[in-house]
Amino acid sequence: MSDLPYRRNVGAALFNAEGLVFIGRRAGLPDSWQMPQGGIDPGEDPAVAVMRELREEVGTDAAEIIGEHPAWLNYDIPAEAARTAFQGRYRGQSQKWFALRFLGSDADIALDRDDHPEFVAWRWAKLADLPALVVSFKRPVYEAVAREFAAYAKK
């Protein structure tokens, strides 16, 4: 699989006024939590993509970008998952992460606005706790995001 490319992707660390970050429980994966993320369309600017992904996955784009990780962060997915998740075309994902300030209220969050919801539940969590909540192959990316965006994780 090492000869396969990475799929380009964005990730959103959406912070509320308390300095907590949005996490969602993945549909079909009862013990899998993650922040919103998704693919970048051909020719799409990553900053535009992250706002689109928020609308699709969280149900609102009531947010503003307040930070951006300086690097693209890569992770490989297990080979058996790559065959089904990416039809064997990618080895994993290369992600550009953004920190966003949530400008709405909890009532604005609606996980079922998209025809194929990514999440079945959500909550606000401490950024530092996220690496322990995600699947193991994403943990190094979440650790890097938590370090880079730690300054936003306060009231």
C-alpha atoms as a PDB file:
ATOM      1  CA  MET A   1       0.000   0.000   0.000  1.00  0.00           C
ATOM      2  CA  SER A   2       2.958   2.347   0.425  1.00  0.00           C
ATOM      3  CA  ASP A   3       2.913   3.146  -3.297  1.00  0.00           C
ATOM      4  CA  LEU A   4      -0.650   4.491  -3.120  1.00  0.00           C
ATOM      5  CA  PRO A   5      -1.299   8.249  -2.721  1.00  0.00           C
ATOM      6  CA  TYR A   6      -2.964   9.995   0.189  1.00  0.00           C
ATOM      7  CA  ARG A   7      -6.474  11.389  -0.223  1.00  0.00           C
ATOM      8  CA  ARG A   8      -6.563  15.183   0.380  1.00  0.00           C
ATOM      9  CA  ASN A   9      -8.788  16.042   3.310  1.00  0.00           C
ATOM     10  CA  VAL A  10      -9.633  18.814   5.778  1.00  0.00           C
ATOM     11  CA  GLY A  11     -10.300  18.615   9.505  1.00  0.00           C
ATOM     12  CA  ALA A  12     -12.218  21.005  11.753  1.00  0.00           C
ATOM     13  CA  ALA A  13     -11.466  21.673  15.409  1.00  0.00           C
ATOM     14  CA  LEU A  14     -14.660  23.574  16.243  1.00  0.00           C
ATOM     15  CA  PHE A  15     -14.311  25.421  19.579  1.00  0.00           C
ATOM     16  CA  ASN A  16     -17.231  26.725  21.608  1.00  0.00           C
ATOM     17  CA  ALA A  17     -17.131  29.710  23.991  1.00  0.00           C
ATOM     18  CA  GLU A  18     -16.001  27.425  26.827  1.00  0.00           C
ATOM     19  CA  GLY A  19     -12.923  26.296  24.885  1.00  0.00           C
ATOM     20  CA  LEU A  20     -14.336  22.825  24.294  1.00  0.00           C
ATOM     21  CA  VAL A  21     -14.237  21.158  20.899  1.00  0.00           C
ATOM     22  CA  PHE A  22     -17.010  19.405  18.951  1.00  0.00           C
ATOM     23  CA  ILE A  23     -16.694  15.639  18.535  1.00  0.00           C
ATOM     24  CA  GLY A  24     -19.101  13.260  16.874  1.00  0.00           C
ATOM     25  CA  ARG A  25     -19.641   9.537  17.224  1.00  0.00           C
ATOM     26  CA  ARG A  26     -19.291   7.915  13.799  1.00  0.00           C
ATOM     27  CA  ALA A  27     -22.320   6.265  12.237  1.00  0.00           C
ATOM     28  CA  GLY A  28     -21.861   2.497  12.225  1.00  0.00           C
ATOM     29  CA  LEU A  29     -18.871   2.656  14.573  1.00  0.00           C
ATOM     30  CA  PRO A  30     -20.254   2.865  18.124  1.00  0.00           C
ATOM     31  CA  ASP A  31     -16.908   3.441  19.864  1.00  0.00           C
ATOM     32  CA  SER A  32     -15.406   5.806  17.295  1.00  0.00           C
ATOM     33  CA  TRP A  33     -15.391   9.541  17.990  1.00  0.00           C
ATOM     34  CA  GLN A  34     -13.749  12.204  15.848  1.00  0.00           C
ATOM     35  CA  MET A  35     -13.830  15.836  14.840  1.00  0.00           C
ATOM     36  CA  PRO A  36     -15.480  16.749  11.525  1.00  0.00           C
ATOM     37  CA  GLN A  37     -13.347  15.964   8.511  1.00  0.00           C
ATOM     38  CA  GLY A  38     -13.836  15.276   4.835  1.00  0.00           C
ATOM     39  CA  GLY A  39     -12.429  15.233   1.354  1.00  0.00           C
ATOM     40  CA  ILE A  40     -11.407  18.221  -0.679  1.00  0.00           C
ATOM     41  CA  ASP A  41     -13.118  18.453  -4.068  1.00  0.00           C
ATOM     42  CA  PRO A  42     -10.878  18.952  -7.141  1.00  0.00           C
ATOM     43  CA  GLY A  43      -9.838  22.609  -7.311  1.00  0.00           C
ATOM     44  CA  GLU A  44     -11.469  23.429  -3.961  1.00  0.00           C
ATOM     45  CA  ASP A  45      -9.618  25.655  -1.509  1.00  0.00           C
ATOM     46  CA  PRO A  46      -9.094  23.871   1.846  1.00  0.00           C
ATOM     47  CA  ALA A  47     -10.654  26.792   3.785  1.00  0.00           C
ATOM     48  CA  VAL A  48     -13.780  26.527   1.623  1.00  0.00           C
ATOM     49  CA  ALA A  49     -13.789  22.744   2.033  1.00  0.00           C
ATOM     50  CA  VAL A  50     -13.702  22.921   5.825  1.00  0.00           C
ATOM     51  CA  MET A  51     -16.771  25.177   5.911  1.00  0.00           C
ATOM     52  CA  ARG A  52     -18.588  22.857   3.493  1.00  0.00           C
ATOM     53  CA  GLU A  53     -17.707  19.855   5.660  1.00  0.00           C
ATOM     54  CA  LEU A  54     -19.094  21.628   8.732  1.00  0.00           C
ATOM     55  CA  ARG A  55     -22.410  22.213   6.950  1.00  0.00           C
ATOM     56  CA  GLU A  56     -22.539  18.589   5.800  1.00  0.00           C
ATOM     57  CA  GLU A  57     -21.461  16.883   9.030  1.00  0.00           C
ATOM     58  CA  VAL A  58     -22.543  19.264  11.804  1.00  0.00           C
ATOM     59  CA  GLY A  59     -25.503  20.876  10.052  1.00  0.00           C
ATOM     60  CA  THR A  60     -24.243  24.440  10.369  1.00  0.00           C
ATOM     61  CA  ASP A  61     -21.397  26.631   9.218  1.00  0.00           C
ATOM     62  CA  ALA A  62     -21.929  29.237  11.940  1.00  0.00           C
ATOM     63  CA  ALA A  63     -18.205  29.481  12.534  1.00  0.00           C
ATOM     64  CA  GLU A  64     -15.125  31.455  11.636  1.00  0.00           C
ATOM     65  CA  ILE A  65     -11.617  30.190  10.982  1.00  0.00           C
ATOM     66  CA  ILE A  66      -9.276  31.315  13.752  1.00  0.00           C
ATOM     67  CA  GLY A  67      -6.241  29.133  13.036  1.00  0.00           C
ATOM     68  CA  GLU A  68      -4.660  26.687  10.644  1.00  0.00           C
ATOM     69  CA  HIS A  69      -2.143  23.927  11.278  1.00  0.00           C
ATOM     70  CA  PRO A  70       1.029  24.872   9.361  1.00  0.00           C
ATOM     71  CA  ALA A  71       1.552  21.362   7.941  1.00  0.00           C
ATOM     72  CA  TRP A  72      -0.440  18.720   6.134  1.00  0.00           C
ATOM     73  CA  LEU A  73      -0.816  15.779   8.535  1.00  0.00           C
ATOM     74  CA  ASN A  74      -0.887  12.242   7.132  1.00  0.00           C
ATOM     75  CA  TYR A  75      -2.195   8.983   8.467  1.00  0.00           C
ATOM     76  CA  ASP A  76      -2.300   5.522   6.958  1.00  0.00           C
ATOM     77  CA  ILE A  77      -5.379   3.389   7.410  1.00  0.00           C
ATOM     78  CA  PRO A  78      -5.238  -0.363   7.970  1.00  0.00           C
ATOM     79  CA  ALA A  79      -5.002  -2.230   4.643  1.00  0.00           C
ATOM     80  CA  GLU A  80      -8.291  -4.067   5.143  1.00  0.00           C
ATOM     81  CA  ALA A  81     -10.118  -0.783   5.745  1.00  0.00           C
ATOM     82  CA  ALA A  82      -8.519   0.863   2.685  1.00  0.00           C
ATOM     83  CA  ARG A  83     -10.035  -1.766   0.406  1.00  0.00           C
ATOM     84  CA  THR A  84     -13.559  -0.819   1.469  1.00  0.00           C
ATOM     85  CA  ALA A  85     -13.262   2.830   2.538  1.00  0.00           C
ATOM     86  CA  PHE A  86     -11.318   4.047  -0.478  1.00  0.00           C
ATOM     87  CA  GLN A  87     -11.871   1.183  -2.941  1.00  0.00           C
ATOM     88  CA  GLY A  88      -8.144   0.481  -2.710  1.00  0.00           C
ATOM     89  CA  ARG A  89      -7.186   3.830  -4.307  1.00  0.00           C
ATOM     90  CA  TYR A  90      -5.562   5.513  -1.274  1.00  0.00           C
ATOM     91  CA  ARG A  91      -3.255   4.479   1.547  1.00  0.00           C
ATOM     92  CA  GLY A  92      -4.746   7.044   3.925  1.00  0.00           C
ATOM     93  CA  GLN A  93      -5.388  10.744   4.153  1.00  0.00           C
ATOM     94  CA  SER A  94      -3.353  13.938   4.080  1.00  0.00           C
ATOM     95  CA  GLN A  95      -5.207  16.501   6.156  1.00  0.00           C
ATOM     96  CA  LYS A  96      -5.141  20.272   6.519  1.00  0.00           C
ATOM     97  CA  TRP A  97      -6.568  21.123   9.948  1.00  0.00           C
ATOM     98  CA  PHE A  98      -8.334  24.339  10.880  1.00  0.00           C
ATOM     99  CA  ALA A  99      -9.319  25.769  14.262  1.00  0.00           C
ATOM    100  CA  LEU A 100     -12.762  27.401  14.152  1.00  0.00           C
ATOM    101  CA  ARG A 101     -14.750  29.462  16.624  1.00  0.00           C
ATOM    102  CA  PHE A 102     -18.387  28.340  16.828  1.00  0.00           C
ATOM    103  CA  LEU A 103     -20.648  31.374  16.438  1.00  0.00           C
ATOM    104  CA  GLY A 104     -23.972  29.594  16.824  1.00  0.00           C
ATOM    105  CA  SER A 105     -25.769  27.807  19.633  1.00  0.00           C
ATOM    106  CA  ASP A 106     -26.097  24.113  20.354  1.00  0.00           C
ATOM    107  CA  ALA A 107     -29.584  24.280  18.805  1.00  0.00           C
ATOM    108  CA  ASP A 108     -27.942  25.020  15.426  1.00  0.00           C
ATOM    109  CA  ILE A 109     -26.247  21.615  15.395  1.00  0.00           C
ATOM    110  CA  ALA A 110     -28.257  19.098  13.370  1.00  0.00           C
ATOM    111  CA  LEU A 111     -26.511  15.874  12.431  1.00  0.00           C
ATOM    112  CA  ASP A 112     -29.328  14.749  10.148  1.00  0.00           C
ATOM    113  CA  ARG A 113     -29.320  17.597   7.608  1.00  0.00           C
ATOM    114  CA  ASP A 114     -27.250  15.550   5.166  1.00  0.00           C
ATOM    115  CA  ASP A 115     -28.711  12.523   3.367  1.00  0.00           C
ATOM    116  CA  HIS A 116     -25.846  10.366   4.687  1.00  0.00           C
ATOM    117  CA  PRO A 117     -25.083  11.532   8.243  1.00  0.00           C
ATOM    118  CA  GLU A 118     -21.501  11.066   9.356  1.00  0.00           C
ATOM    119  CA  PHE A 119     -22.340  11.209  13.053  1.00  0.00           C
ATOM    120  CA  VAL A 120     -25.117   9.717  15.191  1.00  0.00           C
ATOM    121  CA  ALA A 121     -24.265  11.618  18.389  1.00  0.00           C
ATOM    122  CA  TRP A 122     -22.140  14.571  19.421  1.00  0.00           C
ATOM    123  CA  ARG A 123     -20.763  16.388  22.457  1.00  0.00           C
ATOM    124  CA  TRP A 124     -18.295  19.053  23.513  1.00  0.00           C
ATOM    125  CA  ALA A 125     -14.993  17.691  24.866  1.00  0.00           C
ATOM    126  CA  LYS A 126     -11.604  18.884  26.062  1.00  0.00           C
ATOM    127  CA  LEU A 127      -9.143  19.075  23.180  1.00  0.00           C
ATOM    128  CA  ALA A 128      -6.460  17.343  25.225  1.00  0.00           C
ATOM    129  CA  ASP A 129      -8.765  14.326  25.727  1.00  0.00           C
ATOM    130  CA  LEU A 130      -9.377  13.714  22.014  1.00  0.00           C
ATOM    131  CA  PRO A 131      -6.331  11.594  21.137  1.00  0.00           C
ATOM    132  CA  ALA A 132      -7.521   8.924  23.574  1.00  0.00           C
ATOM    133  CA  LEU A 133     -11.009   8.881  22.000  1.00  0.00           C
ATOM    134  CA  VAL A 134     -10.082   8.314  18.336  1.00  0.00           C
ATOM    135  CA  VAL A 135      -9.108   5.137  16.519  1.00  0.00           C
ATOM    136  CA  SER A 136      -5.447   4.312  17.068  1.00  0.00           C
ATOM    137  CA  PHE A 137      -4.252   5.019  13.514  1.00  0.00           C
ATOM    138  CA  LYS A 138      -5.506   8.643  13.765  1.00  0.00           C
ATOM    139  CA  ARG A 139      -3.992   9.249  17.209  1.00  0.00           C
ATOM    140  CA  PRO A 140      -0.697  10.877  16.053  1.00  0.00           C
ATOM    141  CA  VAL A 141      -2.650  13.398  13.927  1.00  0.00           C
ATOM    142  CA  TYR A 142      -4.933  14.236  16.853  1.00  0.00           C
ATOM    143  CA  GLU A 143      -1.921  14.666  19.138  1.00  0.00           C
ATOM    144  CA  ALA A 144      -0.383  17.125  16.652  1.00  0.00           C
ATOM    145  CA  VAL A 145      -3.681  19.021  16.330  1.00  0.00           C
ATOM    146  CA  ALA A 146      -4.077  19.164  20.127  1.00  0.00           C
ATOM    147  CA  ARG A 147      -0.558  20.611  20.509  1.00  0.00           C
ATOM    148  CA  GLU A 148      -0.980  23.189  17.735  1.00  0.00           C
ATOM    149  CA  PHE A 149      -4.462  24.373  18.797  1.00  0.00           C
ATOM    150  CA  ALA A 150      -3.996  24.239  22.591  1.00  0.00           C
ATOM    151  CA  ALA A 151      -4.155  28.044  22.831  1.00  0.00           C
ATOM    152  CA  TYR A 152      -7.759  27.980  21.552  1.00  0.00           C
ATOM    153  CA  ALA A 153      -8.855  25.473  24.190  1.00  0.00           C
ATOM    154  CA  LYS A 154      -9.816  28.035  26.832  1.00  0.00           C
ATOM    155  CA  LYS A 155     -12.746  30.295  27.599  1.00  0.00           C
END
